[in-house]
Full PDB file with SEQRES, HELIX, SHEET, SSBOND, CRYST1, ORIGX, SCALE, CONECT and MASTER records, all heavy atoms in Angstrom:
SEQRES   1 A   41  TRP ASP MET GLN VAL MET SER SER MET MET GLN THR THR          
SEQRES   2 A   41  ILE MET MET ALA ARG ALA CYS SER ALA GLU CYS LYS THR          
SEQRES   3 A   41  HIS ALA GLU MET ALA GLU HIS CYS ARG MET CYS ALA MET          
SEQRES   4 A   41  ALA CYS                                                      
HELIX    1 AA1 MET A    3  LYS A   25  1                                  23    
HELIX    2 AA2 GLU A   32  ALA A   40  1                                   9    
CRYST1    1.000    1.000    1.000  90.00  90.00  90.00 P 1           1          
ORIGX1      1.000000  0.000000  0.000000        0.00000                         
ORIGX2      0.000000  1.000000  0.000000        0.00000                         
ORIGX3      0.000000  0.000000  1.000000        0.00000                         
SCALE1      1.000000  0.000000  0.000000        0.00000                         
SCALE2      0.000000  1.000000  0.000000        0.00000                         
SCALE3      0.000000  0.000000  1.000000        0.00000                         
ATOM      1  N   TRP A   1     177.472 136.730 107.107  1.00  0.00           N  
ATOM      2  CA  TRP A   1     177.714 137.919 107.923  1.00  0.00           C  
ATOM      3  C   TRP A   1     178.443 139.014 107.148  1.00  0.00           C  
ATOM      4  O   TRP A   1     179.453 138.774 106.497  1.00  0.00           O  
ATOM      5  CB  TRP A   1     178.572 137.573 109.132  1.00  0.00           C  
ATOM      6  CG  TRP A   1     177.840 136.904 110.256  1.00  0.00           C  
ATOM      7  CD1 TRP A   1     176.591 136.356 110.225  1.00  0.00           C  
ATOM      8  CD2 TRP A   1     178.325 136.703 111.576  1.00  0.00           C  
ATOM      9  NE1 TRP A   1     176.275 135.825 111.434  1.00  0.00           N  
ATOM     10  CE2 TRP A   1     177.323 136.018 112.297  1.00  0.00           C  
ATOM     11  CE3 TRP A   1     179.505 137.019 112.216  1.00  0.00           C  
ATOM     12  CZ2 TRP A   1     177.461 135.663 113.625  1.00  0.00           C  
ATOM     13  CZ3 TRP A   1     179.649 136.654 113.548  1.00  0.00           C  
ATOM     14  CH2 TRP A   1     178.633 135.986 114.227  1.00  0.00           C  
ATOM     15  N   ASP A   2     177.936 140.204 107.240  1.00  0.00           N  
ATOM     16  CA  ASP A   2     178.657 141.415 106.850  1.00  0.00           C  
ATOM     17  C   ASP A   2     178.974 142.087 108.184  1.00  0.00           C  
ATOM     18  O   ASP A   2     178.058 142.444 108.930  1.00  0.00           O  
ATOM     19  CB  ASP A   2     177.781 142.318 105.987  1.00  0.00           C  
ATOM     20  CG  ASP A   2     178.456 143.636 105.681  1.00  0.00           C  
ATOM     21  OD1 ASP A   2     178.436 144.530 106.568  1.00  0.00           O  
ATOM     22  OD2 ASP A   2     179.002 143.768 104.579  1.00  0.00           O  
ATOM     23  N   MET A   3     180.243 142.229 108.508  1.00  0.00           N  
ATOM     24  CA  MET A   3     180.613 142.681 109.846  1.00  0.00           C  
ATOM     25  C   MET A   3     180.103 144.077 110.173  1.00  0.00           C  
ATOM     26  O   MET A   3     179.779 144.361 111.321  1.00  0.00           O  
ATOM     27  CB  MET A   3     182.119 142.581 110.058  1.00  0.00           C  
ATOM     28  CG  MET A   3     182.579 141.137 110.262  1.00  0.00           C  
ATOM     29  SD  MET A   3     181.564 140.168 111.422  1.00  0.00           S  
ATOM     30  CE  MET A   3     181.764 141.075 112.932  1.00  0.00           C  
ATOM     31  N   GLN A   4     180.014 144.964 109.198  1.00  0.00           N  
ATOM     32  CA  GLN A   4     179.499 146.295 109.486  1.00  0.00           C  
ATOM     33  C   GLN A   4     178.011 146.227 109.849  1.00  0.00           C  
ATOM     34  O   GLN A   4     177.561 146.850 110.807  1.00  0.00           O  
ATOM     35  CB  GLN A   4     179.721 147.223 108.298  1.00  0.00           C  
ATOM     36  CG  GLN A   4     179.437 148.668 108.640  1.00  0.00           C  
ATOM     37  CD  GLN A   4     180.034 149.615 107.617  1.00  0.00           C  
ATOM     38  OE1 GLN A   4     180.684 149.212 106.675  1.00  0.00           O  
ATOM     39  NE2 GLN A   4     179.804 150.892 107.820  1.00  0.00           N  
ATOM     40  N   VAL A   5     177.263 145.437 109.109  1.00  0.00           N  
ATOM     41  CA  VAL A   5     175.836 145.262 109.399  1.00  0.00           C  
ATOM     42  C   VAL A   5     175.659 144.536 110.730  1.00  0.00           C  
ATOM     43  O   VAL A   5     174.821 144.915 111.563  1.00  0.00           O  
ATOM     44  CB  VAL A   5     175.134 144.505 108.254  1.00  0.00           C  
ATOM     45  CG1 VAL A   5     173.704 144.148 108.626  1.00  0.00           C  
ATOM     46  CG2 VAL A   5     175.172 145.329 106.976  1.00  0.00           C  
ATOM     47  N   MET A   6     176.456 143.496 110.960  1.00  0.00           N  
ATOM     48  CA  MET A   6     176.355 142.733 112.207  1.00  0.00           C  
ATOM     49  C   MET A   6     176.659 143.626 113.412  1.00  0.00           C  
ATOM     50  O   MET A   6     175.957 143.591 114.414  1.00  0.00           O  
ATOM     51  CB  MET A   6     177.301 141.530 112.176  1.00  0.00           C  
ATOM     52  CG  MET A   6     177.130 140.608 113.357  1.00  0.00           C  
ATOM     53  SD  MET A   6     175.476 139.894 113.572  1.00  0.00           S  
ATOM     54  CE  MET A   6     175.426 138.742 112.230  1.00  0.00           C  
ATOM     55  N   SER A   7     177.685 144.441 113.305  1.00  0.00           N  
ATOM     56  CA  SER A   7     178.039 145.356 114.388  1.00  0.00           C  
ATOM     57  C   SER A   7     176.899 146.324 114.673  1.00  0.00           C  
ATOM     58  O   SER A   7     176.521 146.548 115.831  1.00  0.00           O  
ATOM     59  CB  SER A   7     179.312 146.121 114.025  1.00  0.00           C  
ATOM     60  OG  SER A   7     179.612 147.086 114.999  1.00  0.00           O  
ATOM     61  N   SER A   8     176.321 146.869 113.630  1.00  0.00           N  
ATOM     62  CA  SER A   8     175.206 147.807 113.784  1.00  0.00           C  
ATOM     63  C   SER A   8     174.000 147.124 114.440  1.00  0.00           C  
ATOM     64  O   SER A   8     173.361 147.680 115.341  1.00  0.00           O  
ATOM     65  CB  SER A   8     174.816 148.371 112.421  1.00  0.00           C  
ATOM     66  OG  SER A   8     173.717 149.222 112.530  1.00  0.00           O  
ATOM     67  N   MET A   9     173.705 145.893 114.022  1.00  0.00           N  
ATOM     68  CA  MET A   9     172.562 145.173 114.586  1.00  0.00           C  
ATOM     69  C   MET A   9     172.806 144.808 116.038  1.00  0.00           C  
ATOM     70  O   MET A   9     171.895 144.875 116.865  1.00  0.00           O  
ATOM     71  CB  MET A   9     172.273 143.925 113.741  1.00  0.00           C  
ATOM     72  CG  MET A   9     171.015 143.214 114.143  1.00  0.00           C  
ATOM     73  SD  MET A   9     169.552 144.269 113.942  1.00  0.00           S  
ATOM     74  CE  MET A   9     168.349 143.277 114.805  1.00  0.00           C  
ATOM     75  N   MET A  10     174.042 144.433 116.364  1.00  0.00           N  
ATOM     76  CA  MET A  10     174.357 144.115 117.757  1.00  0.00           C  
ATOM     77  C   MET A  10     174.183 145.352 118.629  1.00  0.00           C  
ATOM     78  O   MET A  10     173.604 145.276 119.715  1.00  0.00           O  
ATOM     79  CB  MET A  10     175.786 143.581 117.868  1.00  0.00           C  
ATOM     80  CG  MET A  10     175.964 142.206 117.306  1.00  0.00           C  
ATOM     81  SD  MET A  10     177.705 141.740 117.348  1.00  0.00           S  
ATOM     82  CE  MET A  10     177.569 139.980 117.290  1.00  0.00           C  
ATOM     83  N   GLN A  11     174.662 146.490 118.169  1.00  0.00           N  
ATOM     84  CA  GLN A  11     174.514 147.728 118.925  1.00  0.00           C  
ATOM     85  C   GLN A  11     173.041 148.110 119.071  1.00  0.00           C  
ATOM     86  O   GLN A  11     172.601 148.541 120.145  1.00  0.00           O  
ATOM     87  CB  GLN A  11     175.313 148.843 118.264  1.00  0.00           C  
ATOM     88  CG  GLN A  11     176.804 148.641 118.368  1.00  0.00           C  
ATOM     89  CD  GLN A  11     177.600 149.602 117.500  1.00  0.00           C  
ATOM     90  OE1 GLN A  11     177.079 150.554 116.949  1.00  0.00           O  
ATOM     91  NE2 GLN A  11     178.890 149.336 117.378  1.00  0.00           N  
ATOM     92  N   THR A  12     172.266 147.908 118.010  1.00  0.00           N  
ATOM     93  CA  THR A  12     170.825 148.188 118.054  1.00  0.00           C  
ATOM     94  C   THR A  12     170.134 147.279 119.063  1.00  0.00           C  
ATOM     95  O   THR A  12     169.280 147.730 119.845  1.00  0.00           O  
ATOM     96  CB  THR A  12     170.208 148.014 116.659  1.00  0.00           C  
ATOM     97  OG1 THR A  12     170.807 148.971 115.774  1.00  0.00           O  
ATOM     98  CG2 THR A  12     168.696 148.194 116.677  1.00  0.00           C  
ATOM     99  N   THR A  13     170.497 146.014 119.069  1.00  0.00           N  
ATOM    100  CA  THR A  13     169.900 145.055 120.002  1.00  0.00           C  
ATOM    101  C   THR A  13     170.211 145.449 121.443  1.00  0.00           C  
ATOM    102  O   THR A  13     169.327 145.416 122.313  1.00  0.00           O  
ATOM    103  CB  THR A  13     170.388 143.623 119.697  1.00  0.00           C  
ATOM    104  OG1 THR A  13     170.072 143.311 118.338  1.00  0.00           O  
ATOM    105  CG2 THR A  13     169.743 142.612 120.625  1.00  0.00           C  
ATOM    106  N   ILE A  14     171.437 145.838 121.692  1.00  0.00           N  
ATOM    107  CA  ILE A  14     171.825 146.282 123.030  1.00  0.00           C  
ATOM    108  C   ILE A  14     171.023 147.511 123.436  1.00  0.00           C  
ATOM    109  O   ILE A  14     170.489 147.574 124.552  1.00  0.00           O  
ATOM    110  CB  ILE A  14     173.346 146.542 123.098  1.00  0.00           C  
ATOM    111  CG1 ILE A  14     174.111 145.208 123.054  1.00  0.00           C  
ATOM    112  CG2 ILE A  14     173.717 147.339 124.345  1.00  0.00           C  
ATOM    113  CD1 ILE A  14     175.611 145.346 122.847  1.00  0.00           C  
ATOM    114  N   MET A  15     170.905 148.483 122.552  1.00  0.00           N  
ATOM    115  CA  MET A  15     170.155 149.709 122.872  1.00  0.00           C  
ATOM    116  C   MET A  15     168.686 149.397 123.126  1.00  0.00           C  
ATOM    117  O   MET A  15     168.084 149.940 124.057  1.00  0.00           O  
ATOM    118  CB  MET A  15     170.294 150.731 121.736  1.00  0.00           C  
ATOM    119  CG  MET A  15     171.672 151.348 121.692  1.00  0.00           C  
ATOM    120  SD  MET A  15     172.013 152.521 120.333  1.00  0.00           S  
ATOM    121  CE  MET A  15     170.460 153.014 119.714  1.00  0.00           C  
ATOM    122  N   MET A  16     168.093 148.508 122.313  1.00  0.00           N  
ATOM    123  CA  MET A  16     166.679 148.159 122.481  1.00  0.00           C  
ATOM    124  C   MET A  16     166.460 147.440 123.803  1.00  0.00           C  
ATOM    125  O   MET A  16     165.523 147.739 124.537  1.00  0.00           O  
ATOM    126  CB  MET A  16     166.240 147.275 121.301  1.00  0.00           C  
ATOM    127  CG  MET A  16     164.770 146.906 121.310  1.00  0.00           C  
ATOM    128  SD  MET A  16     163.706 148.289 120.837  1.00  0.00           S  
ATOM    129  CE  MET A  16     162.807 148.526 122.363  1.00  0.00           C  
ATOM    130  N   ALA A  17     167.336 146.488 124.126  1.00  0.00           N  
ATOM    131  CA  ALA A  17     167.184 145.742 125.380  1.00  0.00           C  
ATOM    132  C   ALA A  17     167.390 146.654 126.590  1.00  0.00           C  
ATOM    133  O   ALA A  17     166.686 146.510 127.597  1.00  0.00           O  
ATOM    134  CB  ALA A  17     168.150 144.557 125.422  1.00  0.00           C  
ATOM    135  N   ARG A  18     168.310 147.596 126.497  1.00  0.00           N  
ATOM    136  CA  ARG A  18     168.500 148.547 127.601  1.00  0.00           C  
ATOM    137  C   ARG A  18     167.258 149.420 127.785  1.00  0.00           C  
ATOM    138  O   ARG A  18     166.832 149.668 128.918  1.00  0.00           O  
ATOM    139  CB  ARG A  18     169.708 149.441 127.333  1.00  0.00           C  
ATOM    140  CG  ARG A  18     171.012 148.792 127.645  1.00  0.00           C  
ATOM    141  CD  ARG A  18     172.162 149.771 127.484  1.00  0.00           C  
ATOM    142  NE  ARG A  18     173.416 149.128 127.805  1.00  0.00           N  
ATOM    143  CZ  ARG A  18     174.556 149.388 127.193  1.00  0.00           C  
ATOM    144  NH1 ARG A  18     174.616 150.301 126.245  1.00  0.00           N  
ATOM    145  NH2 ARG A  18     175.649 148.744 127.537  1.00  0.00           N  
ATOM    146  N   ALA A  19     166.690 149.892 126.691  1.00  0.00           N  
ATOM    147  CA  ALA A  19     165.494 150.735 126.773  1.00  0.00           C  
ATOM    148  C   ALA A  19     164.311 149.950 127.334  1.00  0.00           C  
ATOM    149  O   ALA A  19     163.554 150.455 128.169  1.00  0.00           O  
ATOM    150  CB  ALA A  19     165.153 151.303 125.388  1.00  0.00           C  
ATOM    151  N   CYS A  20     164.168 148.709 126.904  1.00  0.00           N  
ATOM    152  CA  CYS A  20     163.078 147.867 127.401  1.00  0.00           C  
ATOM    153  C   CYS A  20     163.263 147.592 128.891  1.00  0.00           C  
ATOM    154  O   CYS A  20     162.310 147.674 129.671  1.00  0.00           O  
ATOM    155  CB  CYS A  20     163.016 146.569 126.600  1.00  0.00           C  
ATOM    156  SG  CYS A  20     161.594 145.538 127.012  1.00  0.00           S  
ATOM    157  N   SER A  21     164.484 147.289 129.290  1.00  0.00           N  
ATOM    158  CA  SER A  21     164.771 147.043 130.700  1.00  0.00           C  
ATOM    159  C   SER A  21     164.420 148.266 131.542  1.00  0.00           C  
ATOM    160  O   SER A  21     163.778 148.143 132.596  1.00  0.00           O  
ATOM    161  CB  SER A  21     166.245 146.679 130.881  1.00  0.00           C  
ATOM    162  OG  SER A  21     166.554 146.562 132.249  1.00  0.00           O  
ATOM    163  N   ALA A  22     164.840 149.429 131.077  1.00  0.00           N  
ATOM    164  CA  ALA A  22     164.562 150.662 131.829  1.00  0.00           C  
ATOM    165  C   ALA A  22     163.062 150.888 131.979  1.00  0.00           C  
ATOM    166  O   ALA A  22     162.579 151.251 133.062  1.00  0.00           O  
ATOM    167  CB  ALA A  22     165.220 151.857 131.139  1.00  0.00           C  
ATOM    168  N   GLU A  23     162.311 150.659 130.913  1.00  0.00           N  
ATOM    169  CA  GLU A  23     160.853 150.836 130.974  1.00  0.00           C  
ATOM    170  C   GLU A  23     160.234 149.820 131.933  1.00  0.00           C  
ATOM    171  O   GLU A  23     159.407 150.174 132.772  1.00  0.00           O  
ATOM    172  CB  GLU A  23     160.240 150.700 129.582  1.00  0.00           C  
ATOM    173  CG  GLU A  23     158.737 150.815 129.552  1.00  0.00           C  
ATOM    174  CD  GLU A  23     158.184 152.171 129.974  1.00  0.00           C  
ATOM    175  OE1 GLU A  23     158.887 153.199 129.850  1.00  0.00           O  
ATOM    176  OE2 GLU A  23     157.012 152.218 130.428  1.00  0.00           O  
ATOM    177  N   CYS A  24     160.637 148.565 131.824  1.00  0.00           N  
ATOM    178  CA  CYS A  24     160.067 147.533 132.691  1.00  0.00           C  
ATOM    179  C   CYS A  24     160.430 147.758 134.153  1.00  0.00           C  
ATOM    180  O   CYS A  24     159.629 147.460 135.041  1.00  0.00           O  
ATOM    181  CB  CYS A  24     160.500 146.142 132.228  1.00  0.00           C  
ATOM    182  SG  CYS A  24     159.534 145.539 130.824  1.00  0.00           S  
ATOM    183  N   LYS A  25     161.604 148.297 134.411  1.00  0.00           N  
ATOM    184  CA  LYS A  25     162.007 148.550 135.795  1.00  0.00           C  
ATOM    185  C   LYS A  25     161.107 149.588 136.459  1.00  0.00           C  
ATOM    186  O   LYS A  25     160.960 149.582 137.686  1.00  0.00           O  
ATOM    187  CB  LYS A  25     163.472 148.980 135.863  1.00  0.00           C  
ATOM    188  CG  LYS A  25     164.418 147.805 135.687  1.00  0.00           C  
ATOM    189  CD  LYS A  25     165.874 148.230 135.677  1.00  0.00           C  
ATOM    190  CE  LYS A  25     166.764 147.008 135.471  1.00  0.00           C  
ATOM    191  NZ  LYS A  25     168.171 147.364 135.296  1.00  0.00           N  
ATOM    192  N   THR A  26     160.471 150.459 135.682  1.00  0.00           N  
ATOM    193  CA  THR A  26     159.557 151.445 136.272  1.00  0.00           C  
ATOM    194  C   THR A  26     158.290 150.779 136.809  1.00  0.00           C  
ATOM    195  O   THR A  26     157.586 151.371 137.618  1.00  0.00           O  
ATOM    196  CB  THR A  26     159.175 152.565 135.274  1.00  0.00           C  
ATOM    197  OG1 THR A  26     158.397 152.017 134.209  1.00  0.00           O  
ATOM    198  CG2 THR A  26     160.399 153.279 134.738  1.00  0.00           C  
ATOM    199  N   HIS A  27     158.002 149.547 136.357  1.00  0.00           N  
ATOM    200  CA  HIS A  27     156.808 148.820 136.800  1.00  0.00           C  
ATOM    201  C   HIS A  27     157.158 147.572 137.614  1.00  0.00           C  
ATOM    202  O   HIS A  27     156.275 146.816 138.002  1.00  0.00           O  
ATOM    203  CB  HIS A  27     155.977 148.370 135.591  1.00  0.00           C  
ATOM    204  CG  HIS A  27     155.707 149.442 134.603  1.00  0.00           C  
ATOM    205  ND1 HIS A  27     156.135 149.380 133.301  1.00  0.00           N  
ATOM    206  CD2 HIS A  27     155.074 150.635 134.731  1.00  0.00           C  
ATOM    207  CE1 HIS A  27     155.773 150.471 132.665  1.00  0.00           C  
ATOM    208  NE2 HIS A  27     155.130 151.248 133.499  1.00  0.00           N  
ATOM    209  N   ALA A  28     158.435 147.330 137.827  1.00  0.00           N  
ATOM    210  CA  ALA A  28     158.884 146.064 138.406  1.00  0.00           C  
ATOM    211  C   ALA A  28     158.331 145.781 139.799  1.00  0.00           C  
ATOM    212  O   ALA A  28     158.109 144.623 140.150  1.00  0.00           O  
ATOM    213  CB  ALA A  28     160.412 146.011 138.430  1.00  0.00           C  
ATOM    214  N   GLU A  29     158.108 146.818 140.586  1.00  0.00           N  
ATOM    215  CA  GLU A  29     157.600 146.583 141.946  1.00  0.00           C  
ATOM    216  C   GLU A  29     156.145 146.140 141.950  1.00  0.00           C  
ATOM    217  O   GLU A  29     155.723 145.427 142.854  1.00  0.00           O  
ATOM    218  CB  GLU A  29     157.786 147.838 142.789  1.00  0.00           C  
ATOM    219  CG  GLU A  29     159.235 148.081 143.158  1.00  0.00           C  
ATOM    220  CD  GLU A  29     159.405 149.228 144.141  1.00  0.00           C  
ATOM    221  OE1 GLU A  29     158.456 149.540 144.895  1.00  0.00           O  
ATOM    222  OE2 GLU A  29     160.500 149.810 144.148  1.00  0.00           O  
ATOM    223  N   MET A  30     155.390 146.526 140.928  1.00  0.00           N  
ATOM    224  CA  MET A  30     153.971 146.167 140.904  1.00  0.00           C  
ATOM    225  C   MET A  30     153.646 145.044 139.915  1.00  0.00           C  
ATOM    226  O   MET A  30     152.558 144.494 139.951  1.00  0.00           O  
ATOM    227  CB  MET A  30     153.113 147.382 140.585  1.00  0.00           C  
ATOM    228  CG  MET A  30     153.298 147.944 139.209  1.00  0.00           C  
ATOM    229  SD  MET A  30     152.211 149.350 138.965  1.00  0.00           S  
ATOM    230  CE  MET A  30     152.528 149.678 137.247  1.00  0.00           C  
ATOM    231  N   ALA A  31     154.603 144.710 139.040  1.00  0.00           N  
ATOM    232  CA  ALA A  31     154.326 143.691 138.020  1.00  0.00           C  
ATOM    233  C   ALA A  31     155.514 142.734 137.918  1.00  0.00           C  
ATOM    234  O   ALA A  31     156.585 143.119 137.438  1.00  0.00           O  
ATOM    235  CB  ALA A  31     154.048 144.355 136.673  1.00  0.00           C  
ATOM    236  N   GLU A  32     155.296 141.499 138.349  1.00  0.00           N  
ATOM    237  CA  GLU A  32     156.360 140.492 138.316  1.00  0.00           C  
ATOM    238  C   GLU A  32     156.860 140.248 136.896  1.00  0.00           C  
ATOM    239  O   GLU A  32     158.053 140.055 136.678  1.00  0.00           O  
ATOM    240  CB  GLU A  32     155.848 139.179 138.938  1.00  0.00           C  
ATOM    241  CG  GLU A  32     156.853 138.046 138.935  1.00  0.00           C  
ATOM    242  CD  GLU A  32     158.062 138.259 139.846  1.00  0.00           C  
ATOM    243  OE1 GLU A  32     158.124 139.250 140.595  1.00  0.00           O  
ATOM    244  OE2 GLU A  32     158.968 137.413 139.799  1.00  0.00           O  
ATOM    245  N   HIS A  33     155.960 140.284 135.921  1.00  0.00           N  
ATOM    246  CA  HIS A  33     156.377 140.050 134.537  1.00  0.00           C  
ATOM    247  C   HIS A  33     157.335 141.139 134.065  1.00  0.00           C  
ATOM    248  O   HIS A  33     158.266 140.864 133.308  1.00  0.00           O  
ATOM    249  CB  HIS A  33     155.177 139.919 133.590  1.00  0.00           C  
ATOM    250  CG  HIS A  33     154.222 141.065 133.632  1.00  0.00           C  
ATOM    251  ND1 HIS A  33     154.401 142.211 132.892  1.00  0.00           N  
ATOM    252  CD2 HIS A  33     153.074 141.239 134.331  1.00  0.00           C  
ATOM    253  CE1 HIS A  33     153.403 143.045 133.119  1.00  0.00           C  
ATOM    254  NE2 HIS A  33     152.584 142.478 134.003  1.00  0.00           N  
ATOM    255  N   CYS A  34     157.157 142.364 134.539  1.00  0.00           N  
ATOM    256  CA  CYS A  34     158.086 143.444 134.185  1.00  0.00           C  
ATOM    257  C   CYS A  34     159.441 143.242 134.857  1.00  0.00           C  
ATOM    258  O   CYS A  34     160.488 143.476 134.242  1.00  0.00           O  
ATOM    259  CB  CYS A  34     157.506 144.806 134.557  1.00  0.00           C  
ATOM    260  SG  CYS A  34     156.210 145.380 133.435  1.00  0.00           S  
ATOM    261  N   ARG A  35     159.449 142.774 136.089  1.00  0.00           N  
ATOM    262  CA  ARG A  35     160.708 142.511 136.785  1.00  0.00           C  
ATOM    263  C   ARG A  35     161.497 141.419 136.063  1.00  0.00           C  
ATOM    264  O   ARG A  35     162.694 141.555 135.810  1.00  0.00           O  
ATOM    265  CB  ARG A  35     160.443 142.091 138.229  1.00  0.00           C  
ATOM    266  CG  ARG A  35     161.726 141.947 139.070  1.00  0.00           C  
ATOM    267  CD  ARG A  35     161.448 141.329 140.436  1.00  0.00           C  
ATOM    268  NE  ARG A  35     161.011 139.938 140.350  1.00  0.00           N  
ATOM    269  CZ  ARG A  35     161.823 138.901 140.077  1.00  0.00           C  
ATOM    270  NH1 ARG A  35     163.106 139.104 139.867  1.00  0.00           N  
ATOM    271  NH2 ARG A  35     161.347 137.684 140.031  1.00  0.00           N  
ATOM    272  N   MET A  36     160.803 140.362 135.690  1.00  0.00           N  
ATOM    273  CA  MET A  36     161.454 139.262 134.987  1.00  0.00           C  
ATOM    274  C   MET A  36     161.929 139.694 133.600  1.00  0.00           C  
ATOM    275  O   MET A  36     163.016 139.295 133.156  1.00  0.00           O  
ATOM    276  CB  MET A  36     160.503 138.073 134.896  1.00  0.00           C  
ATOM    277  CG  MET A  36     160.243 137.433 136.259  1.00  0.00           C  
ATOM    278  SD  MET A  36     158.942 136.183 136.264  1.00  0.00           S  
ATOM    279  CE  MET A  36     159.496 135.073 135.006  1.00  0.00           C  
ATOM    280  N   CYS A  37     161.158 140.496 132.932  1.00  0.00           N  
ATOM    281  CA  CYS A  37     161.526 140.981 131.607  1.00  0.00           C  
ATOM    282  C   CYS A  37     162.776 141.860 131.690  1.00  0.00           C  
ATOM    283  O   CYS A  37     163.704 141.711 130.884  1.00  0.00           O  
ATOM    284  CB  CYS A  37     160.364 141.757 130.986  1.00  0.00           C  
ATOM    285  SG  CYS A  37     160.650 142.259 129.275  1.00  0.00           S  
ATOM    286  N   ALA A  38     162.813 142.752 132.663  1.00  0.00           N  
ATOM    287  CA  ALA A  38     163.989 143.618 132.840  1.00  0.00           C  
ATOM    288  C   ALA A  38     165.238 142.779 133.090  1.00  0.00           C  
ATOM    289  O   ALA A  38     166.309 143.056 132.526  1.00  0.00           O  
ATOM    290  CB  ALA A  38     163.759 144.596 133.984  1.00  0.00           C  
ATOM    291  N   MET A  39     165.106 141.742 133.895  1.00  0.00           N  
ATOM    292  CA  MET A  39     166.254 140.862 134.170  1.00  0.00           C  
ATOM    293  C   MET A  39     166.719 140.153 132.895  1.00  0.00           C  
ATOM    294  O   MET A  39     167.919 140.074 132.629  1.00  0.00           O  
ATOM    295  CB  MET A  39     165.887 139.824 135.236  1.00  0.00           C  
ATOM    296  CG  MET A  39     165.854 140.379 136.634  1.00  0.00           C  
ATOM    297  SD  MET A  39     165.382 139.174 137.926  1.00  0.00           S  
ATOM    298  CE  MET A  39     166.056 137.648 137.380  1.00  0.00           C  
ATOM    299  N   ALA A  40     165.784 139.675 132.100  1.00  0.00           N  
ATOM    300  CA  ALA A  40     166.142 138.982 130.859  1.00  0.00           C  
ATOM    301  C   ALA A  40     166.802 139.949 129.876  1.00  0.00           C  
ATOM    302  O   ALA A  40     167.766 139.588 129.197  1.00  0.00           O  
ATOM    303  CB  ALA A  40     164.906 138.342 130.231  1.00  0.00           C  
ATOM    304  N   CYS A  41     166.308 141.170 129.827  1.00  0.00           N  
ATOM    305  CA  CYS A  41     166.916 142.184 128.955  1.00  0.00           C  
ATOM    306  C   CYS A  41     168.344 142.481 129.398  1.00  0.00           C  
ATOM    307  O   CYS A  41     169.260 142.566 128.568  1.00  0.00           O  
ATOM    308  CB  CYS A  41     166.094 143.468 128.965  1.00  0.00           C  
ATOM    309  SG  CYS A  41     164.524 143.378 128.069  1.00  0.00           S  
TER     310      CYS A  41                                                      
MASTER        0    0    0    2    0    0    0    6  309    1    0    4          
END                                                                             
């Protein structure tokens, strides 16, 4: 571990999962897989 790199990757992972969740939530009412994906994100 390099803590600066690890911190950056953790922040990137959080941002990516938030963006994915937001996108999936736009389809969650019509697509169960999107609802489940948003929850996992």
